[in-house]
C-alpha atoms as a PDB file:
ATOM      1  CA  GLY A   1      -0.178  -0.091   0.181  1.00  0.00           C
ATOM      2  CA  LYS A   2       1.219   3.861   0.193  1.00  0.00           C
ATOM      3  CA  PRO A   3       3.241   5.292   2.620  1.00  0.00           C
ATOM      4  CA  PRO A   4       1.169   7.524   5.006  1.00  0.00           C
ATOM      5  CA  THR A   5       1.231  11.182   4.721  1.00  0.00           C
ATOM      6  CA  PRO A   6       3.767  12.833   6.678  1.00  0.00           C
ATOM      7  CA  SER A   7       1.886  15.542   8.764  1.00  0.00           C
ATOM      8  CA  LYS A   8       4.630  18.291   7.813  1.00  0.00           C
ATOM      9  CA  SER A   9       4.846  18.048   3.984  1.00  0.00           C
ATOM     10  CA  ILE A  10       4.014  20.267   1.711  1.00  0.00           C
ATOM     11  CA  ALA A  11       3.195  20.973  -2.348  1.00  0.00           C
ATOM     12  CA  VAL A  12       3.494  24.498  -3.546  1.00  0.00           C
ATOM     13  CA  LEU A  13       1.534  24.447  -6.544  1.00  0.00           C
ATOM     14  CA  PRO A  14       2.474  27.181  -9.845  1.00  0.00           C
ATOM     15  CA  PHE A  15       1.177  30.640  -8.663  1.00  0.00           C
ATOM     16  CA  ALA A  16      -1.354  31.246 -11.377  1.00  0.00           C
ATOM     17  CA  ASN A  17      -0.734  34.380 -13.871  1.00  0.00           C
ATOM     18  CA  MET A  18      -3.737  37.042 -13.722  1.00  0.00           C
ATOM     19  CA  SER A  19      -1.614  39.479 -15.633  1.00  0.00           C
ATOM     20  CA  ALA A  20      -3.059  40.980 -19.071  1.00  0.00           C
ATOM     21  CA  ASP A  21       0.716  40.033 -20.121  1.00  0.00           C
ATOM     22  CA  PRO A  22       1.147  35.982 -20.531  1.00  0.00           C
ATOM     23  CA  ASP A  23       5.037  36.485 -20.781  1.00  0.00           C
ATOM     24  CA  GLN A  24       4.501  37.145 -17.265  1.00  0.00           C
ATOM     25  CA  GLU A  25       4.488  33.665 -16.824  1.00  0.00           C
ATOM     26  CA  TYR A  26       8.289  32.936 -16.369  1.00  0.00           C
ATOM     27  CA  PHE A  27       7.817  35.338 -13.061  1.00  0.00           C
ATOM     28  CA  CYS A  28       4.903  33.365 -11.693  1.00  0.00           C
ATOM     29  CA  ASP A  29       7.028  30.364 -12.042  1.00  0.00           C
ATOM     30  CA  GLY A  30      10.043  31.578 -10.901  1.00  0.00           C
ATOM     31  CA  MET A  31       8.422  32.930  -7.569  1.00  0.00           C
ATOM     32  CA  THR A  32       6.887  29.426  -7.002  1.00  0.00           C
ATOM     33  CA  GLU A  33      10.336  27.782  -7.823  1.00  0.00           C
ATOM     34  CA  GLU A  34      11.951  30.181  -5.236  1.00  0.00           C
ATOM     35  CA  ILE A  35       9.445  29.525  -2.558  1.00  0.00           C
ATOM     36  CA  ILE A  36       9.919  25.673  -3.391  1.00  0.00           C
ATOM     37  CA  ASN A  37      13.721  26.203  -2.663  1.00  0.00           C
ATOM     38  CA  ALA A  38      13.561  28.160   0.204  1.00  0.00           C
ATOM     39  CA  LEU A  39      11.584  25.154   1.556  1.00  0.00           C
ATOM     40  CA  THR A  40      13.824  22.661   0.681  1.00  0.00           C
ATOM     41  CA  HIS A  41      16.198  24.083   3.485  1.00  0.00           C
ATOM     42  CA  ILE A  42      14.163  22.816   6.421  1.00  0.00           C
ATOM     43  CA  LYS A  43      15.204  19.367   7.532  1.00  0.00           C
ATOM     44  CA  ASP A  44      11.911  18.386   8.921  1.00  0.00           C
ATOM     45  CA  LEU A  45      10.000  19.200   6.147  1.00  0.00           C
ATOM     46  CA  ARG A  46       8.823  17.195   3.362  1.00  0.00           C
ATOM     47  CA  VAL A  47       8.639  19.811  -0.043  1.00  0.00           C
ATOM     48  CA  ILE A  48       7.486  18.234  -3.569  1.00  0.00           C
ATOM     49  CA  ALA A  49       9.775  19.339  -5.990  1.00  0.00           C
ATOM     50  CA  ARG A  50       8.933  21.574  -8.969  1.00  0.00           C
ATOM     51  CA  THR A  51       8.642  18.816 -11.664  1.00  0.00           C
ATOM     52  CA  SER A  52       5.739  17.235  -9.907  1.00  0.00           C
ATOM     53  CA  SER A  53       3.937  20.338  -8.307  1.00  0.00           C
ATOM     54  CA  PHE A  54       4.425  21.651 -11.984  1.00  0.00           C
ATOM     55  CA  ALA A  55       2.357  18.649 -13.562  1.00  0.00           C
ATOM     56  CA  PHE A  56      -1.184  20.204 -12.268  1.00  0.00           C
ATOM     57  CA  LYS A  57      -0.280  23.757 -14.260  1.00  0.00           C
ATOM     58  CA  GLY A  58      -3.391  24.814 -15.832  1.00  0.00           C
ATOM     59  CA  LYS A  59      -5.252  21.957 -14.917  1.00  0.00           C
ATOM     60  CA  GLN A  60      -8.336  22.378 -12.958  1.00  0.00           C
ATOM     61  CA  GLU A  61      -8.241  19.262 -10.746  1.00  0.00           C
ATOM     62  CA  ASP A  62      -9.628  18.751  -7.619  1.00  0.00           C
ATOM     63  CA  ILE A  63      -7.195  19.960  -4.394  1.00  0.00           C
ATOM     64  CA  ARG A  64      -7.851  16.721  -2.735  1.00  0.00           C
ATOM     65  CA  GLU A  65      -6.699  14.537  -5.467  1.00  0.00           C
ATOM     66  CA  ILE A  66      -3.488  16.327  -5.984  1.00  0.00           C
ATOM     67  CA  GLY A  67      -2.827  16.201  -2.197  1.00  0.00           C
ATOM     68  CA  LYS A  68      -3.356  12.294  -2.849  1.00  0.00           C
ATOM     69  CA  LYS A  69      -0.881  11.929  -5.734  1.00  0.00           C
ATOM     70  CA  LEU A  70       1.667  14.036  -4.287  1.00  0.00           C
ATOM     71  CA  ASN A  71       1.212  12.268  -0.977  1.00  0.00           C
ATOM     72  CA  VAL A  72       1.106  15.629   1.009  1.00  0.00           C
ATOM     73  CA  ALA A  73      -0.653  17.026   3.793  1.00  0.00           C
ATOM     74  CA  ILE A  74      -0.926  20.485   2.886  1.00  0.00           C
ATOM     75  CA  LEU A  75      -0.707  22.818  -0.731  1.00  0.00           C
ATOM     76  CA  LEU A  76       0.011  26.418  -1.267  1.00  0.00           C
ATOM     77  CA  GLU A  77      -1.843  27.742  -3.996  1.00  0.00           C
ATOM     78  CA  GLY A  78      -1.749  31.228  -5.094  1.00  0.00           C
ATOM     79  CA  SER A  79      -2.080  34.155  -8.082  1.00  0.00           C
ATOM     80  CA  VAL A  80       0.235  37.001  -9.406  1.00  0.00           C
ATOM     81  CA  ARG A  81      -1.254  40.194 -10.708  1.00  0.00           C
ATOM     82  CA  LYS A  82       1.733  42.266 -12.395  1.00  0.00           C
ATOM     83  CA  SER A  83       1.401  45.747 -14.098  1.00  0.00           C
ATOM     84  CA  GLY A  84       4.383  48.119 -14.408  1.00  0.00           C
ATOM     85  CA  ASP A  85       5.563  48.142 -10.841  1.00  0.00           C
ATOM     86  CA  ARG A  86       2.491  47.126  -9.363  1.00  0.00           C
ATOM     87  CA  LEU A  87       2.086  43.237  -7.578  1.00  0.00           C
ATOM     88  CA  ARG A  88      -0.756  41.790  -6.831  1.00  0.00           C
ATOM     89  CA  ILE A  89      -0.092  38.363  -4.842  1.00  0.00           C
ATOM     90  CA  THR A  90      -2.476  36.305  -2.927  1.00  0.00           C
ATOM     91  CA  ALA A  91      -1.311  33.181  -1.524  1.00  0.00           C
ATOM     92  CA  GLN A  92      -3.570  30.518   0.377  1.00  0.00           C
ATOM     93  CA  LEU A  93      -2.630  27.152   1.917  1.00  0.00           C
ATOM     94  CA  ILE A  94      -5.006  24.337   2.013  1.00  0.00           C
ATOM     95  CA  ARG A  95      -5.154  21.285   4.513  1.00  0.00           C
ATOM     96  CA  VAL A  96      -5.425  18.592   1.932  1.00  0.00           C
ATOM     97  CA  ALA A  97      -7.593  16.150   4.462  1.00  0.00           C
ATOM     98  CA  ASP A  98     -10.458  18.279   4.281  1.00  0.00           C
ATOM     99  CA  GLY A  99      -9.905  21.331   1.729  1.00  0.00           C
ATOM    100  CA  ILE A 100     -10.075  23.783   4.818  1.00  0.00           C
ATOM    101  CA  HIS A 101      -7.997  26.994   4.176  1.00  0.00           C
ATOM    102  CA  ILE A 102      -5.725  27.269   7.087  1.00  0.00           C
ATOM    103  CA  TRP A 103      -3.971  30.606   6.220  1.00  0.00           C
ATOM    104  CA  SER A 104      -4.546  33.015   3.069  1.00  0.00           C
ATOM    105  CA  GLU A 105      -3.013  36.270   2.592  1.00  0.00           C
ATOM    106  CA  ARG A 106      -3.378  39.412  -0.082  1.00  0.00           C
ATOM    107  CA  TYR A 107      -0.390  41.502  -0.872  1.00  0.00           C
ATOM    108  CA  ASP A 108      -0.919  44.523  -3.096  1.00  0.00           C
ATOM    109  CA  ARG A 109       2.996  45.893  -3.128  1.00  0.00           C
ATOM    110  CA  ARG A 110       5.423  47.043  -5.303  1.00  0.00           C
ATOM    111  CA  MET A 111       7.807  45.315  -7.558  1.00  0.00           C
ATOM    112  CA  LYS A 112      10.496  45.512  -4.826  1.00  0.00           C
ATOM    113  CA  ASP A 113       8.552  44.154  -1.997  1.00  0.00           C
ATOM    114  CA  ILE A 114       8.957  40.693  -4.028  1.00  0.00           C
ATOM    115  CA  PHE A 115      11.517  39.302  -1.428  1.00  0.00           C
ATOM    116  CA  ASP A 116       9.571  40.414   1.682  1.00  0.00           C
ATOM    117  CA  ILE A 117       6.377  39.095   0.181  1.00  0.00           C
ATOM    118  CA  GLN A 118       8.560  35.722  -0.336  1.00  0.00           C
ATOM    119  CA  ASP A 119       9.570  35.432   3.078  1.00  0.00           C
ATOM    120  CA  GLU A 120       6.566  36.129   4.584  1.00  0.00           C
ATOM    121  CA  ILE A 121       4.737  33.335   2.442  1.00  0.00           C
ATOM    122  CA  THR A 122       7.811  31.087   3.752  1.00  0.00           C
ATOM    123  CA  LEU A 123       7.314  31.778   7.319  1.00  0.00           C
ATOM    124  CA  ALA A 124       3.620  31.364   7.115  1.00  0.00           C
ATOM    125  CA  ILE A 125       4.003  27.575   5.792  1.00  0.00           C
ATOM    126  CA  VAL A 126       6.451  27.275   8.628  1.00  0.00           C
ATOM    127  CA  ASP A 127       3.975  28.793  11.608  1.00  0.00           C
ATOM    128  CA  SER A 128       1.207  26.953   9.930  1.00  0.00           C
ATOM    129  CA  LEU A 129       3.065  23.650  10.084  1.00  0.00           C
ATOM    130  CA  LYS A 130       4.022  23.965  13.917  1.00  0.00           C
ATOM    131  CA  ILE A 131       7.952  23.621  12.472  1.00  0.00           C
ATOM    132  CA  GLN A 132      10.820  24.590  14.623  1.00  0.00           C
ATOM    133  CA  LEU A 133      13.577  25.776  12.972  1.00  0.00           C
ATOM    134  CA  ILE A 134      17.385  25.979  13.866  1.00  0.00           C
ATOM    135  CA  GLY A 135      19.019  28.857  13.130  1.00  0.00           C
ATOM    136  CA  SER A 136      20.624  28.009  10.119  1.00  0.00           C
ATOM    137  CA  GLU A 137      17.518  27.042   8.582  1.00  0.00           C
ATOM    138  CA  LYS A 138      15.887  30.172   9.644  1.00  0.00           C
ATOM    139  CA  LYS A 139      18.986  31.822   7.706  1.00  0.00           C
ATOM    140  CA  ALA A 140      18.932  29.763   4.739  1.00  0.00           C
ATOM    141  CA  ILE A 141      15.037  30.219   3.902  1.00  0.00           C
ATOM    142  CA  VAL A 142      14.899  33.875   4.156  1.00  0.00           C
ATOM    143  CA  LYS A 143      18.154  34.589   2.194  1.00  0.00           C
ATOM    144  CA  HIS A 144      18.122  36.538  -1.169  1.00  0.00           C
ATOM    145  CA  TYR A 145      21.180  36.583  -3.383  1.00  0.00           C
ATOM    146  CA  THR A 146      20.001  40.030  -4.607  1.00  0.00           C
ATOM    147  CA  ASP A 147      17.417  42.687  -3.583  1.00  0.00           C
ATOM    148  CA  ASN A 148      17.919  44.410  -6.869  1.00  0.00           C
ATOM    149  CA  PRO A 149      14.322  43.512  -8.907  1.00  0.00           C
ATOM    150  CA  GLU A 150      16.063  43.648 -12.335  1.00  0.00           C
ATOM    151  CA  LEU A 151      18.513  41.154 -11.271  1.00  0.00           C
ATOM    152  CA  TYR A 152      15.938  38.933  -9.980  1.00  0.00           C
ATOM    153  CA  ARG A 153      14.116  39.090 -13.156  1.00  0.00           C
ATOM    154  CA  LEU A 154      16.902  38.183 -15.497  1.00  0.00           C
ATOM    155  CA  TYR A 155      17.779  35.448 -12.666  1.00  0.00           C
ATOM    156  CA  LEU A 156      14.398  34.195 -13.637  1.00  0.00           C
ATOM    157  CA  LEU A 157      14.189  34.291 -17.009  1.00  0.00           C
ATOM    158  CA  GLY A 158      17.344  32.465 -16.876  1.00  0.00           C
ATOM    159  CA  LEU A 159      15.796  29.457 -14.807  1.00  0.00           C
ATOM    160  CA  HIS A 160      13.201  29.880 -17.270  1.00  0.00           C
ATOM    161  CA  HIS A 161      14.679  28.960 -19.942  1.00  0.00           C
ATOM    162  CA  TRP A 162      16.642  26.662 -18.315  1.00  0.00           C
ATOM    163  CA  THR A 163      14.059  24.688 -17.618  1.00  0.00           C
ATOM    164  CA  LYS A 164      12.706  24.171 -20.953  1.00  0.00           C
ATOM    165  CA  SER A 165      15.979  22.025 -21.461  1.00  0.00           C
ATOM    166  CA  THR A 166      16.096  22.287 -25.544  1.00  0.00           C
ATOM    167  CA  PRO A 167      19.456  23.416 -26.922  1.00  0.00           C
ATOM    168  CA  ASP A 168      18.233  26.844 -27.920  1.00  0.00           C
ATOM    169  CA  ASP A 169      17.051  27.456 -24.304  1.00  0.00           C
ATOM    170  CA  PHE A 170      19.851  26.354 -22.551  1.00  0.00           C
ATOM    171  CA  ALA A 171      21.835  28.986 -24.823  1.00  0.00           C
ATOM    172  CA  LYS A 172      19.324  31.560 -23.904  1.00  0.00           C
ATOM    173  CA  SER A 173      19.515  30.777 -20.364  1.00  0.00           C
ATOM    174  CA  GLU A 174      23.319  31.302 -20.213  1.00  0.00           C
ATOM    175  CA  GLU A 175      22.764  34.788 -21.543  1.00  0.00           C
ATOM    176  CA  TYR A 176      20.439  35.760 -19.382  1.00  0.00           C
ATOM    177  CA  PHE A 177      22.760  34.533 -16.495  1.00  0.00           C
ATOM    178  CA  GLU A 178      25.442  36.277 -18.322  1.00  0.00           C
ATOM    179  CA  GLN A 179      23.532  39.548 -18.237  1.00  0.00           C
ATOM    180  CA  ALA A 180      22.850  39.470 -14.700  1.00  0.00           C
ATOM    181  CA  ILE A 181      26.423  38.932 -13.583  1.00  0.00           C
ATOM    182  CA  SER A 182      27.556  41.882 -15.840  1.00  0.00           C
ATOM    183  CA  LYS A 183      25.338  43.897 -13.658  1.00  0.00           C
ATOM    184  CA  ASP A 184      26.170  42.698 -10.522  1.00  0.00           C
ATOM    185  CA  PRO A 185      29.497  40.403 -10.273  1.00  0.00           C
ATOM    186  CA  ASN A 186      28.801  39.038  -6.661  1.00  0.00           C
ATOM    187  CA  TYR A 187      25.529  37.496  -7.952  1.00  0.00           C
ATOM    188  CA  ALA A 188      26.327  33.972  -6.729  1.00  0.00           C
ATOM    189  CA  LEU A 189      23.354  32.116  -8.129  1.00  0.00           C
ATOM    190  CA  ALA A 190      24.098  33.158 -11.814  1.00  0.00           C
ATOM    191  CA  TYR A 191      27.471  31.783 -11.596  1.00  0.00           C
ATOM    192  CA  ALA A 192      26.162  28.556 -10.045  1.00  0.00           C
ATOM    193  CA  GLY A 193      23.429  28.497 -13.000  1.00  0.00           C
ATOM    194  CA  ILE A 194      26.356  29.155 -15.992  1.00  0.00           C
ATOM    195  CA  ALA A 195      28.382  26.412 -14.436  1.00  0.00           C
ATOM    196  CA  GLU A 196      25.437  23.796 -14.330  1.00  0.00           C
ATOM    197  CA  ALA A 197      24.453  24.777 -17.777  1.00  0.00           C
ATOM    198  CA  ASN A 198      27.983  23.794 -19.289  1.00  0.00           C
ATOM    199  CA  VAL A 199      27.882  20.692 -17.196  1.00  0.00           C
ATOM    200  CA  PHE A 200      24.989  19.537 -18.644  1.00  0.00           C
ATOM    201  CA  ASN A 201      26.039  20.932 -22.482  1.00  0.00           C
ATOM    202  CA  THR A 202      28.754  18.096 -22.052  1.00  0.00           C
ATOM    203  CA  PHE A 203      26.057  15.516 -21.508  1.00  0.00           C
ATOM    204  CA  PHE A 204      23.359  16.743 -23.654  1.00  0.00           C
ATOM    205  CA  MET A 205      24.876  19.287 -26.467  1.00  0.00           C
ATOM    206  CA  GLY A 206      27.742  17.234 -27.787  1.00  0.00           C
ATOM    207  CA  ILE A 207      30.056  20.150 -26.010  1.00  0.00           C
ATOM    208  CA  ALA A 208      33.582  19.172 -25.655  1.00  0.00           C
ATOM    209  CA  PRO A 209      34.187  18.169 -21.790  1.00  0.00           C
ATOM    210  CA  ARG A 210      37.347  19.850 -21.596  1.00  0.00           C
ATOM    211  CA  ASP A 211      36.002  23.400 -22.660  1.00  0.00           C
ATOM    212  CA  ALA A 212      32.917  23.275 -20.840  1.00  0.00           C
ATOM    213  CA  ILE A 213      34.206  21.876 -17.599  1.00  0.00           C
ATOM    214  CA  GLU A 214      37.033  24.318 -17.503  1.00  0.00           C
ATOM    215  CA  LYS A 215      34.451  27.119 -17.454  1.00  0.00           C
ATOM    216  CA  ALA A 216      32.266  25.108 -15.664  1.00  0.00           C
ATOM    217  CA  LYS A 217      34.892  24.943 -12.883  1.00  0.00           C
ATOM    218  CA  LYS A 218      35.982  28.700 -12.795  1.00  0.00           C
ATOM    219  CA  TYR A 219      32.440  29.600 -12.118  1.00  0.00           C
ATOM    220  CA  LEU A 220      31.909  27.314  -9.445  1.00  0.00           C
ATOM    221  CA  ASN A 221      34.734  28.762  -7.667  1.00  0.00           C
ATOM    222  CA  ILE A 222      33.849  31.871  -7.785  1.00  0.00           C
ATOM    223  CA  ALA A 223      30.226  31.184  -6.810  1.00  0.00           C
ATOM    224  CA  LEU A 224      31.561  29.421  -3.470  1.00  0.00           C
ATOM    225  CA  GLU A 225      34.292  32.248  -3.102  1.00  0.00           C
ATOM    226  CA  LEU A 226      30.954  34.549  -3.091  1.00  0.00           C
ATOM    227  CA  ASP A 227      28.916  32.130  -0.987  1.00  0.00           C
ATOM    228  CA  GLU A 228      30.195  28.867   0.405  1.00  0.00           C
ATOM    229  CA  ASN A 229      26.684  27.656   1.672  1.00  0.00           C
ATOM    230  CA  LEU A 230      25.192  27.316  -1.853  1.00  0.00           C
ATOM    231  CA  GLY A 231      24.048  23.557  -2.419  1.00  0.00           C
ATOM    232  CA  GLU A 232      23.422  23.945  -5.963  1.00  0.00           C
ATOM    233  CA  ALA A 233      26.842  24.937  -6.326  1.00  0.00           C
ATOM    234  CA  HIS A 234      28.031  22.162  -4.324  1.00  0.00           C
ATOM    235  CA  ALA A 235      26.449  19.552  -6.039  1.00  0.00           C
ATOM    236  CA  VAL A 236      27.525  20.550  -9.843  1.00  0.00           C
ATOM    237  CA  MET A 237      31.014  20.629  -8.349  1.00  0.00           C
ATOM    238  CA  GLY A 238      30.815  17.021  -7.255  1.00  0.00           C
ATOM    239  CA  ARG A 239      29.400  15.561 -10.408  1.00  0.00           C
ATOM    240  CA  VAL A 240      32.499  17.536 -11.862  1.00  0.00           C
ATOM    241  CA  HIS A 241      34.973  15.584  -9.710  1.00  0.00           C
ATOM    242  CA  LEU A 242      32.939  12.421 -10.127  1.00  0.00           C
ATOM    243  CA  PHE A 243      32.572  12.279 -13.902  1.00  0.00           C
ATOM    244  CA  TYR A 244      35.212  14.569 -14.987  1.00  0.00           C
ATOM    245  CA  ASP A 245      38.119  14.188 -12.606  1.00  0.00           C
ATOM    246  CA  TRP A 246      36.804  10.521 -11.555  1.00  0.00           C
ATOM    247  CA  ASP A 247      37.944  11.527  -8.141  1.00  0.00           C
ATOM    248  CA  TRP A 248      35.449   9.954  -5.924  1.00  0.00           C
ATOM    249  CA  GLU A 249      37.059  11.645  -2.565  1.00  0.00           C
ATOM    250  CA  LYS A 250      36.207  14.728  -3.793  1.00  0.00           C
ATOM    251  CA  ALA A 251      32.763  13.991  -5.284  1.00  0.00           C
ATOM    252  CA  ASP A 252      31.509  12.457  -2.368  1.00  0.00           C
ATOM    253  CA  ARG A 253      32.754  15.624  -0.253  1.00  0.00           C
ATOM    254  CA  GLU A 254      31.029  18.077  -2.105  1.00  0.00           C
ATOM    255  CA  LEU A 255      27.780  15.810  -2.733  1.00  0.00           C
ATOM    256  CA  ARG A 256      27.263  15.293   1.041  1.00  0.00           C
ATOM    257  CA  ARG A 257      27.798  18.759   1.419  1.00  0.00           C
ATOM    258  CA  ALA A 258      25.175  19.791  -0.787  1.00  0.00           C
ATOM    259  CA  LEU A 259      22.786  17.272   0.793  1.00  0.00           C
ATOM    260  CA  GLU A 260      23.509  19.041   4.160  1.00  0.00           C
ATOM    261  CA  LEU A 261      22.653  22.532   2.875  1.00  0.00           C
ATOM    262  CA  ASN A 262      19.363  21.079   1.333  1.00  0.00           C
ATOM    263  CA  PRO A 263      18.482  18.080   2.544  1.00  0.00           C
ATOM    264  CA  ASN A 264      15.159  17.911   0.797  1.00  0.00           C
ATOM    265  CA  SER A 265      16.522  18.586  -2.758  1.00  0.00           C
ATOM    266  CA  ALA A 266      15.347  15.643  -4.831  1.00  0.00           C
ATOM    267  CA  LEU A 267      17.814  16.428  -7.654  1.00  0.00           C
ATOM    268  CA  ILE A 268      20.402  16.432  -4.740  1.00  0.00           C
ATOM    269  CA  LEU A 269      19.608  13.297  -3.657  1.00  0.00           C
ATOM    270  CA  SER A 270      19.813  11.564  -7.271  1.00  0.00           C
ATOM    271  CA  HIS A 271      22.949  13.108  -7.887  1.00  0.00           C
ATOM    272  CA  TYR A 272      24.091  11.745  -4.706  1.00  0.00           C
ATOM    273  CA  SER A 273      22.902   8.375  -5.643  1.00  0.00           C
ATOM    274  CA  ASP A 274      24.394   8.394  -8.805  1.00  0.00           C
ATOM    275  CA  PHE A 275      27.798   8.506  -6.759  1.00  0.00           C
ATOM    276  CA  LEU A 276      27.047   6.009  -4.291  1.00  0.00           C
ATOM    277  CA  SER A 277      25.934   3.490  -7.361  1.00  0.00           C
ATOM    278  CA  ILE A 278      28.581   4.176  -9.416  1.00  0.00           C
ATOM    279  CA  SER A 279      31.206   3.474  -6.133  1.00  0.00           C
ATOM    280  CA  GLY A 280      29.423   0.537  -5.387  1.00  0.00           C
ATOM    281  CA  GLN A 281      26.945   1.244  -2.604  1.00  0.00           C
ATOM    282  CA  HIS A 282      24.313  -0.044  -3.954  1.00  0.00           C
ATOM    283  CA  GLU A 283      21.798  -0.400  -0.850  1.00  0.00           C
ATOM    284  CA  ARG A 284      22.695   3.310   0.130  1.00  0.00           C
ATOM    285  CA  ALA A 285      22.167   4.565  -3.413  1.00  0.00           C
ATOM    286  CA  ILE A 286      18.935   2.731  -3.570  1.00  0.00           C
ATOM    287  CA  SER A 287      17.658   4.791  -0.259  1.00  0.00           C
ATOM    288  CA  LEU A 288      18.565   7.789  -1.535  1.00  0.00           C
ATOM    289  CA  VAL A 289      16.930   7.755  -4.585  1.00  0.00           C
ATOM    290  CA  LYS A 290      13.528   6.378  -3.439  1.00  0.00           C
ATOM    291  CA  ARG A 291      14.048   9.430  -1.083  1.00  0.00           C
ATOM    292  CA  ALA A 292      14.230  11.612  -4.391  1.00  0.00           C
ATOM    293  CA  MET A 293      11.050   9.586  -5.470  1.00  0.00           C
ATOM    294  CA  GLU A 294       8.797  10.668  -2.956  1.00  0.00           C
ATOM    295  CA  LEU A 295      10.133  14.252  -3.186  1.00  0.00           C
ATOM    296  CA  ASP A 296       9.486  13.995  -6.936  1.00  0.00           C
ATOM    297  CA  PRO A 297       7.429  11.441  -7.707  1.00  0.00           C
ATOM    298  CA  LEU A 298       5.753  12.670 -10.903  1.00  0.00           C
ATOM    299  CA  SER A 299       9.243  13.335 -12.738  1.00  0.00           C
ATOM    300  CA  ILE A 300      10.468  11.013 -15.599  1.00  0.00           C
ATOM    301  CA  PHE A 301      14.356  11.891 -14.967  1.00  0.00           C
ATOM    302  CA  ILE A 302      13.968  10.714 -11.034  1.00  0.00           C
ATOM    303  CA  ASN A 303      11.958   7.681 -12.095  1.00  0.00           C
ATOM    304  CA  HIS A 304      14.553   6.564 -14.567  1.00  0.00           C
ATOM    305  CA  ASN A 305      17.747   7.334 -12.275  1.00  0.00           C
ATOM    306  CA  ALA A 306      15.727   5.159 -10.120  1.00  0.00           C
ATOM    307  CA  ALA A 307      15.677   2.656 -12.259  1.00  0.00           C
ATOM    308  CA  GLU A 308      18.971   2.877 -13.248  1.00  0.00           C
ATOM    309  CA  ARG A 309      20.370   2.454  -9.623  1.00  0.00           C
ATOM    310  CA  ILE A 310      18.634  -0.765  -8.897  1.00  0.00           C
ATOM    311  CA  LEU A 311      19.770  -2.291 -12.721  1.00  0.00           C
ATOM    312  CA  HIS A 312      23.279  -1.410 -11.190  1.00  0.00           C
ATOM    313  CA  ALA A 313      22.095  -3.560  -7.985  1.00  0.00           C
ATOM    314  CA  GLY A 314      21.257  -6.269 -10.627  1.00  0.00           C
ATOM    315  CA  ARG A 315      17.463  -6.117  -9.326  1.00  0.00           C
ATOM    316  CA  PHE A 316      16.474  -6.705 -13.277  1.00  0.00           C
ATOM    317  CA  ASP A 317      12.948  -7.102 -12.573  1.00  0.00           C
ATOM    318  CA  GLU A 318      12.017  -4.300 -10.349  1.00  0.00           C
ATOM    319  CA  ALA A 319      14.217  -2.117 -12.403  1.00  0.00           C
ATOM    320  CA  ILE A 320      12.058  -3.477 -15.562  1.00  0.00           C
ATOM    321  CA  ASP A 321       8.805  -2.268 -13.550  1.00  0.00           C
ATOM    322  CA  LEU A 322       9.840   0.649 -12.764  1.00  0.00           C
ATOM    323  CA  LEU A 323      10.912   1.769 -16.092  1.00  0.00           C
ATOM    324  CA  LYS A 324       7.647   0.365 -17.611  1.00  0.00           C
END
């Protein structure tokens, strides 16, 4: 049967774009993703990853059904109306068991207040779920890498193209991140984004690893100098050590650090399970990737990775079932 739903579990559904301009979609998606990312730093909270929560985008599906499919106790949904510099954002927390709204808020603010609004929503979630934060978690969930709305906009555009995963979009994603860096050379997230795009390109775009990886390493080093607590950068660095340098010790250290900083990231769990599998630690690899599947149950990528780990452990029938 299905595992019981943990009481401290949430899915953040994509904020609906209520703006007259359909091009504001990237902003709503990006804001949703930023809230998901903030919450993944909390050890005691199970947060559904982007792929699975975005599977319901634009679909009129019943809240309880969504909650059941994702196996969470609570859903956050909301909307964004952006007009020039004005923002109207609504957000509500809904208990899946009975459909009751346990918190809701409407914000009429200016664009520069976007960061405060995100923090308020994130802290309201923590409060409603009665989660006791430790100091480092509290710092991590309200940390912003810029307080400049224009930089944030460029970063969200970079993210938007990154998640589309086509050759053109990868190139565009890197362009937006580069623009952000040219406006602020201390913007750690944008360096990590470019590094990730370059590592990704060696797998999928036929780009020579020695060119792309040199660039990725350079950008990762800058990102980590600017902020050594950037989990995403440690994760990408771990992949570079694993697949390019074949340095198991460094790969293990970087991926473990990434996971410490971001214990609920399905992607980081999957990357670390990849390392464990390659280095022959099959049972640990499978247990981590199964955790990733709980966090991102509808992701083809994560499910495929899980099947791969099970295959490497020699459990062929189980792997075939999952791949089907």
